[in-house]
N, C-alpha and C. Protein backbone atom coordinates (compact mmCIF):
# COMPACT_ATOMS: atom_id res chain seq x y z
N MET A 1 124.94 102.22 88.44
CA MET A 1 124.95 103.65 88.26
C MET A 1 126.21 104.27 88.82
N GLN A 2 126.76 103.66 89.83
CA GLN A 2 127.98 104.19 90.46
C GLN A 2 129.14 104.23 89.48
N ILE A 3 129.31 103.18 88.70
CA ILE A 3 130.43 103.14 87.77
C ILE A 3 130.22 104.13 86.63
N VAL A 4 128.99 104.35 86.21
CA VAL A 4 128.70 105.32 85.16
C VAL A 4 129.07 106.72 85.65
N ALA A 5 128.69 107.04 86.87
CA ALA A 5 129.01 108.35 87.44
C ALA A 5 130.52 108.51 87.61
N ALA A 6 131.19 107.47 88.11
CA ALA A 6 132.63 107.55 88.33
C ALA A 6 133.38 107.74 87.02
N ALA A 7 132.86 107.16 85.94
CA ALA A 7 133.51 107.29 84.63
C ALA A 7 133.19 108.62 83.96
N GLY A 8 132.28 109.39 84.57
CA GLY A 8 131.92 110.68 84.00
C GLY A 8 131.05 110.57 82.75
N LEU A 9 130.36 109.45 82.61
CA LEU A 9 129.50 109.23 81.45
C LEU A 9 128.15 109.91 81.64
N THR A 10 127.59 110.36 80.57
CA THR A 10 126.25 110.95 80.61
C THR A 10 125.31 110.09 79.78
N VAL A 11 125.01 108.93 80.31
CA VAL A 11 124.08 108.01 79.66
C VAL A 11 122.96 107.69 80.63
N GLU A 12 121.84 107.31 80.09
CA GLU A 12 120.71 106.94 80.93
C GLU A 12 120.81 105.46 81.30
N VAL A 13 120.73 105.17 82.57
CA VAL A 13 120.75 103.79 83.06
C VAL A 13 119.32 103.41 83.41
N GLN A 14 118.85 102.35 82.80
CA GLN A 14 117.49 101.91 83.06
C GLN A 14 117.53 100.63 83.89
N PRO A 15 117.14 100.71 85.15
CA PRO A 15 117.13 99.52 85.99
C PRO A 15 116.12 98.50 85.49
N CYS A 16 116.35 97.25 85.83
CA CYS A 16 115.40 96.19 85.47
C CYS A 16 115.23 95.27 86.68
N THR A 17 114.14 94.58 86.68
CA THR A 17 113.88 93.61 87.75
C THR A 17 114.59 92.31 87.41
N SER A 18 114.72 91.45 88.40
CA SER A 18 115.34 90.15 88.17
C SER A 18 114.58 89.33 87.13
N SER A 19 113.26 89.46 87.13
CA SER A 19 112.47 88.70 86.16
C SER A 19 112.68 89.21 84.72
N GLU A 20 113.06 90.46 84.58
CA GLU A 20 113.32 91.02 83.25
C GLU A 20 114.73 90.68 82.75
N PHE A 21 115.63 90.33 83.65
CA PHE A 21 117.01 90.02 83.31
C PHE A 21 117.19 88.51 83.38
N LEU A 22 116.96 87.86 82.25
CA LEU A 22 116.97 86.40 82.22
C LEU A 22 118.37 85.84 82.46
N ARG A 23 118.44 84.86 83.34
CA ARG A 23 119.70 84.20 83.69
C ARG A 23 119.54 82.71 83.41
N PRO A 24 120.63 82.00 83.14
CA PRO A 24 120.53 80.57 82.83
C PRO A 24 120.12 79.71 84.03
N ALA A 25 120.31 80.21 85.24
CA ALA A 25 119.94 79.44 86.43
C ALA A 25 119.03 80.30 87.30
N PRO A 26 118.08 79.68 88.00
CA PRO A 26 117.22 80.46 88.89
C PRO A 26 118.01 81.06 90.05
N ARG A 27 117.61 82.23 90.47
CA ARG A 27 118.25 82.92 91.58
C ARG A 27 117.25 83.10 92.72
N PRO A 28 117.73 83.07 93.96
CA PRO A 28 116.80 83.29 95.08
C PRO A 28 116.30 84.73 95.08
N ARG A 29 115.11 84.93 95.66
CA ARG A 29 114.54 86.28 95.72
C ARG A 29 115.41 87.22 96.55
N ASN A 30 115.97 86.70 97.64
CA ASN A 30 116.80 87.52 98.51
C ASN A 30 118.18 86.88 98.58
N SER A 31 119.13 87.42 97.87
CA SER A 31 120.48 86.86 97.86
C SER A 31 121.49 87.85 98.43
N VAL A 32 121.13 88.42 99.55
CA VAL A 32 122.00 89.39 100.20
C VAL A 32 123.29 88.70 100.64
N LEU A 33 124.42 89.35 100.39
CA LEU A 33 125.70 88.79 100.78
C LEU A 33 125.91 89.06 102.27
N ALA A 34 125.67 88.04 103.06
CA ALA A 34 125.83 88.17 104.51
C ALA A 34 126.22 86.81 105.08
N ASN A 35 126.88 86.80 106.19
CA ASN A 35 127.26 85.57 106.84
C ASN A 35 126.71 85.58 108.25
N ARG A 36 125.61 84.89 108.45
CA ARG A 36 124.90 84.89 109.74
C ARG A 36 125.78 84.41 110.89
N LEU A 37 126.60 83.38 110.65
CA LEU A 37 127.44 82.87 111.73
C LEU A 37 128.49 83.90 112.16
N LEU A 38 129.05 84.61 111.20
CA LEU A 38 129.99 85.67 111.57
C LEU A 38 129.30 86.79 112.33
N GLN A 39 128.08 87.10 111.94
CA GLN A 39 127.32 88.13 112.65
C GLN A 39 127.07 87.73 114.09
N LEU A 40 126.71 86.47 114.31
CA LEU A 40 126.45 85.99 115.67
C LEU A 40 127.69 86.09 116.55
N GLU A 41 128.85 85.89 115.96
CA GLU A 41 130.11 85.97 116.71
C GLU A 41 130.69 87.38 116.71
N GLU A 42 129.94 88.33 116.14
CA GLU A 42 130.37 89.72 116.03
C GLU A 42 131.70 89.85 115.29
N LEU A 43 131.87 89.01 114.26
CA LEU A 43 133.07 89.04 113.44
C LEU A 43 132.76 89.51 112.02
N ASP A 44 131.55 89.95 111.80
CA ASP A 44 131.14 90.38 110.47
C ASP A 44 131.55 91.83 110.27
N ASN A 45 132.68 92.03 109.63
CA ASN A 45 133.18 93.39 109.45
C ASN A 45 133.32 93.74 107.97
N MET A 46 132.38 93.27 107.16
CA MET A 46 132.41 93.58 105.74
C MET A 46 132.13 95.07 105.55
N PRO A 47 133.04 95.77 104.88
CA PRO A 47 132.84 97.21 104.68
C PRO A 47 131.74 97.49 103.67
N GLU A 48 131.27 98.72 103.68
CA GLU A 48 130.30 99.13 102.67
C GLU A 48 130.95 99.00 101.29
N TRP A 49 130.19 98.54 100.32
CA TRP A 49 130.75 98.34 98.99
C TRP A 49 131.24 99.64 98.37
N THR A 50 130.63 100.77 98.76
CA THR A 50 131.02 102.04 98.17
C THR A 50 132.46 102.41 98.54
N THR A 51 132.89 102.02 99.72
CA THR A 51 134.26 102.29 100.16
C THR A 51 135.25 101.53 99.27
N ASP A 52 135.00 100.25 99.07
CA ASP A 52 135.89 99.45 98.23
C ASP A 52 135.82 99.87 96.77
N PHE A 53 134.63 100.27 96.31
CA PHE A 53 134.50 100.73 94.93
C PHE A 53 135.35 101.98 94.71
N ALA A 54 135.28 102.92 95.62
CA ALA A 54 136.06 104.16 95.49
C ALA A 54 137.55 103.85 95.44
N GLU A 55 138.01 102.93 96.27
CA GLU A 55 139.42 102.54 96.26
C GLU A 55 139.78 101.85 94.94
N PHE A 56 138.93 100.95 94.48
CA PHE A 56 139.17 100.27 93.21
C PHE A 56 139.24 101.28 92.07
N TRP A 57 138.27 102.21 92.03
CA TRP A 57 138.22 103.17 90.93
C TRP A 57 139.44 104.09 90.94
N ALA A 58 139.86 104.50 92.13
CA ALA A 58 141.04 105.35 92.23
C ALA A 58 142.28 104.63 91.70
N ARG A 59 142.34 103.34 91.93
CA ARG A 59 143.51 102.55 91.52
C ARG A 59 143.45 102.13 90.05
N HIS A 60 142.25 101.77 89.55
CA HIS A 60 142.15 101.15 88.22
C HIS A 60 141.26 101.89 87.22
N GLY A 61 140.53 102.89 87.67
CA GLY A 61 139.55 103.54 86.82
C GLY A 61 140.11 104.09 85.53
N ALA A 62 141.30 104.65 85.55
CA ALA A 62 141.88 105.24 84.35
C ALA A 62 142.19 104.19 83.29
N GLN A 63 142.37 102.94 83.71
CA GLN A 63 142.70 101.86 82.79
C GLN A 63 141.48 101.23 82.16
N LEU A 64 140.30 101.55 82.69
CA LEU A 64 139.09 100.89 82.20
C LEU A 64 138.42 101.66 81.07
């Protein structure tokens, strides 16, 4: 939905569950992108995805 809003589109986005979106390989129920070992060492400094998305869109959005 973020990219639709950033592009200024007025379309309806209908979310679906993982079971409705068939993939060629099974996926785990919880596939959160995290690194437990980095967290334990207090080195996990992954920024919020919205920050990087905004930077990406500002740089490349007009070309898409």
